[in-house]
Protein backbone atom coordinates (compact mmCIF):
# COMPACT_ATOMS: atom_id res chain seq x y z
CA MET A 1 7.84 21.40 -6.29
CA LYS A 2 7.80 20.81 -2.40
CA ARG A 3 9.50 17.25 -1.45
CA ARG A 4 10.19 16.51 -5.42
CA ALA A 5 12.69 13.93 -4.56
CA PHE A 6 11.02 12.36 -2.33
CA HIS A 7 7.95 12.29 -5.01
CA ARG A 8 9.99 10.78 -7.78
CA ALA A 9 11.68 8.10 -5.50
CA VAL A 10 7.75 6.96 -4.41
CA PHE A 11 6.68 6.36 -7.77
CA LEU A 12 9.51 4.78 -9.08
CA LEU A 13 9.33 2.64 -6.73
CA ALA A 14 5.59 2.16 -7.47
CA ALA A 15 6.55 1.61 -10.94
CA VAL A 16 8.94 -1.04 -10.42
CA TYR A 17 6.63 -3.05 -7.75
CA ASN A 18 3.68 -2.73 -9.84
CA LEU A 19 5.18 -3.84 -12.96
CA LEU A 20 6.87 -7.14 -10.50
CA TRP A 21 3.68 -7.50 -9.10
CA GLY A 22 1.99 -8.03 -12.59
CA LEU A 23 4.39 -9.95 -13.53
CA LEU A 24 4.45 -12.59 -10.85
CA ALA A 25 -0.11 -12.57 -11.36
CA ALA A 26 0.73 -13.42 -14.72
CA VAL A 27 3.44 -16.12 -14.29
CA ASP A 28 1.20 -17.57 -11.16
CA PRO A 29 -2.16 -16.75 -11.37
CA GLN A 30 -2.64 -19.00 -8.37
CA TRP A 31 -0.44 -17.64 -5.47
CA LEU A 32 -3.02 -15.35 -3.55
CA PHE A 33 -5.73 -18.48 -3.27
CA ARG A 34 -2.90 -20.85 -2.14
CA PHE A 35 -1.86 -18.29 0.27
CA ALA A 36 -5.05 -17.70 1.64
CA ASP A 37 -5.92 -21.79 1.39
CA MET A 38 -8.75 -20.87 -1.34
CA PRO A 39 -10.25 -23.33 -3.96
CA PRO A 40 -8.03 -22.62 -6.54
CA LEU A 41 -9.78 -20.32 -9.65
CA ASN A 42 -11.13 -22.40 -12.69
CA GLN A 43 -10.43 -18.87 -14.80
CA PRO A 44 -6.47 -18.37 -13.53
CA ALA A 45 -6.81 -16.03 -16.71
CA LEU A 46 -9.18 -13.50 -14.79
CA PHE A 47 -6.31 -13.12 -11.99
CA ALA A 48 -3.30 -12.73 -14.57
CA CYS A 49 -5.92 -9.77 -16.05
CA LEU A 50 -5.78 -8.21 -12.97
CA GLY A 51 -2.08 -8.56 -12.99
CA MET A 52 -1.87 -6.62 -16.49
CA VAL A 53 -4.33 -3.96 -15.10
CA ILE A 54 -1.55 -3.78 -12.50
CA GLY A 55 0.87 -3.84 -13.75
CA VAL A 56 0.09 -1.06 -16.69
CA TYR A 57 -0.40 1.49 -13.43
CA GLY A 58 3.19 1.24 -13.72
CA LEU A 59 3.68 2.22 -16.48
CA LEU A 60 1.31 5.36 -15.37
CA TYR A 61 3.41 5.65 -11.96
CA ALA A 62 6.94 5.88 -13.85
CA GLU A 63 5.33 8.75 -15.91
CA VAL A 64 4.82 10.35 -12.63
CA ALA A 65 8.39 9.88 -11.53
CA ARG A 66 9.69 11.50 -14.65
CA ARG A 67 7.45 14.10 -14.40
CA PRO A 68 6.14 15.00 -11.00
CA GLU A 69 5.15 18.39 -11.68
CA HIS A 70 2.45 16.73 -14.04
CA GLY A 71 1.23 13.71 -13.00
CA PHE A 72 -1.91 14.88 -10.46
CA ALA A 73 -4.28 13.14 -12.43
CA LEU A 74 -2.39 10.04 -12.78
CA ALA A 75 -1.73 9.49 -8.91
CA ALA A 76 -5.46 10.55 -8.23
CA VAL A 77 -6.70 7.89 -10.58
CA GLY A 78 -4.11 5.53 -8.48
CA LEU A 79 -4.76 6.79 -5.15
CA LEU A 80 -8.69 6.29 -6.34
CA GLY A 81 -7.91 2.62 -6.80
CA LYS A 82 -6.56 2.11 -3.58
CA VAL A 83 -9.25 3.26 -2.27
CA LEU A 84 -12.03 1.59 -3.98
CA GLY A 85 -10.36 -1.75 -4.19
CA PRO A 86 -9.90 -2.57 -0.18
CA ILE A 87 -13.75 -1.29 -0.19
CA GLY A 88 -14.58 -3.93 -2.71
CA LEU A 89 -12.99 -6.74 -0.78
CA ALA A 90 -14.04 -5.87 2.64
CA GLY A 91 -17.54 -6.49 0.91
CA LEU A 92 -16.00 -10.10 0.10
CA ILE A 93 -14.61 -10.80 3.26
CA LEU A 94 -17.79 -9.30 5.17
CA ARG A 95 -19.60 -11.12 3.02
CA GLY A 96 -17.99 -14.66 3.84
CA GLU A 97 -17.13 -14.85 0.19
CA TRP A 98 -13.43 -14.43 0.72
CA PRO A 99 -11.36 -15.28 3.81
CA PRO A 100 -9.53 -12.42 5.90
CA ALA A 101 -6.37 -13.92 4.95
CA THR A 102 -6.70 -11.95 1.30
CA LEU A 103 -5.85 -8.79 2.93
CA VAL A 104 -2.64 -9.34 2.21
CA LEU A 105 -3.16 -7.78 -1.15
CA CYS A 106 -4.38 -4.52 0.16
CA LEU A 107 -1.47 -4.15 2.49
CA THR A 108 1.12 -4.06 -0.37
CA ASN A 109 -1.14 -2.80 -3.00
CA ASP A 110 -3.28 -0.57 -1.64
CA PHE A 111 -2.41 0.77 2.38
CA ILE A 112 1.49 1.25 2.24
CA TRP A 113 0.62 3.95 -1.07
CA TRP A 114 -2.34 5.93 0.54
CA VAL A 115 0.10 8.47 2.72
CA PRO A 116 2.65 9.00 -0.16
CA PHE A 117 0.27 9.31 -2.74
CA SER A 118 -2.29 11.38 -0.65
CA LEU A 119 0.89 13.49 0.24
CA TYR A 120 1.92 13.93 -3.34
CA LEU A 121 -1.37 15.09 -4.27
CA TRP A 122 -1.22 17.65 -1.67
CA ASP A 123 1.78 19.14 -2.98
CA ALA A 124 1.02 18.80 -6.51
CA TRP A 125 -2.32 20.25 -6.35
CA PRO A 126 -1.34 24.00 -6.44
CA GLY A 127 0.34 23.26 -10.03
CA TYR A 128 -2.41 21.24 -11.13
CA ARG A 129 -5.11 24.27 -10.25
CA ARG A 130 -3.17 26.53 -12.24
CA THR A 131 -3.94 24.76 -15.31
CA PHE A 132 -7.23 25.82 -15.51
CA VAL A 133 -6.44 29.40 -15.17
CA PRO A 134 -6.31 30.57 -18.65
CA GLY A 135 -3.24 32.19 -19.58
CA PRO A 136 -2.66 35.96 -21.12
CA HIS A 137 -2.96 34.68 -24.23
CA GLU A 138 -5.75 31.98 -23.73
CA GLY A 139 -9.04 33.82 -24.05
C-alpha cells in the first residue's frame, strides 16, 4: 500500500485522539457548553454518550492503523461522520440554536482529518476494489 507508514501513523493518532476525547466527554460533559458560553445541559449524559460513540470510533481507527490494507470501509464510515457532523452543526449555528464558538468541535474532530482520511481512502481503494472481483476458486 502506498504511504502505508503515514496512514498507520494518522490512524494511530486518530485512535488516541478519539479515545481521549471520548474520555473527556464522559468525565466532563459540560466542557463545550462552558467553552461556548452556553447554558449547561440539563441532561449531560447525552453529551457523555456522544463521547462514548466518538471513543468507540477510536477502536476502529486503531484497527485501520493495525491493518491498513483492510481498513477501507472503517475509514470511509469515519470520514462520512467527519463530513456529516459539521453539516449538522452548521444547521444548528445557522438557525441560531448554537453559537459559532461550537465550531471548535469540528476543528479537532473533523476538519483536520479530512485530508489524511481522504488520502488513505484514495490509496486503499485499489486493494478494496479487488475484494469485489471473484478469484479463480470462487464461482
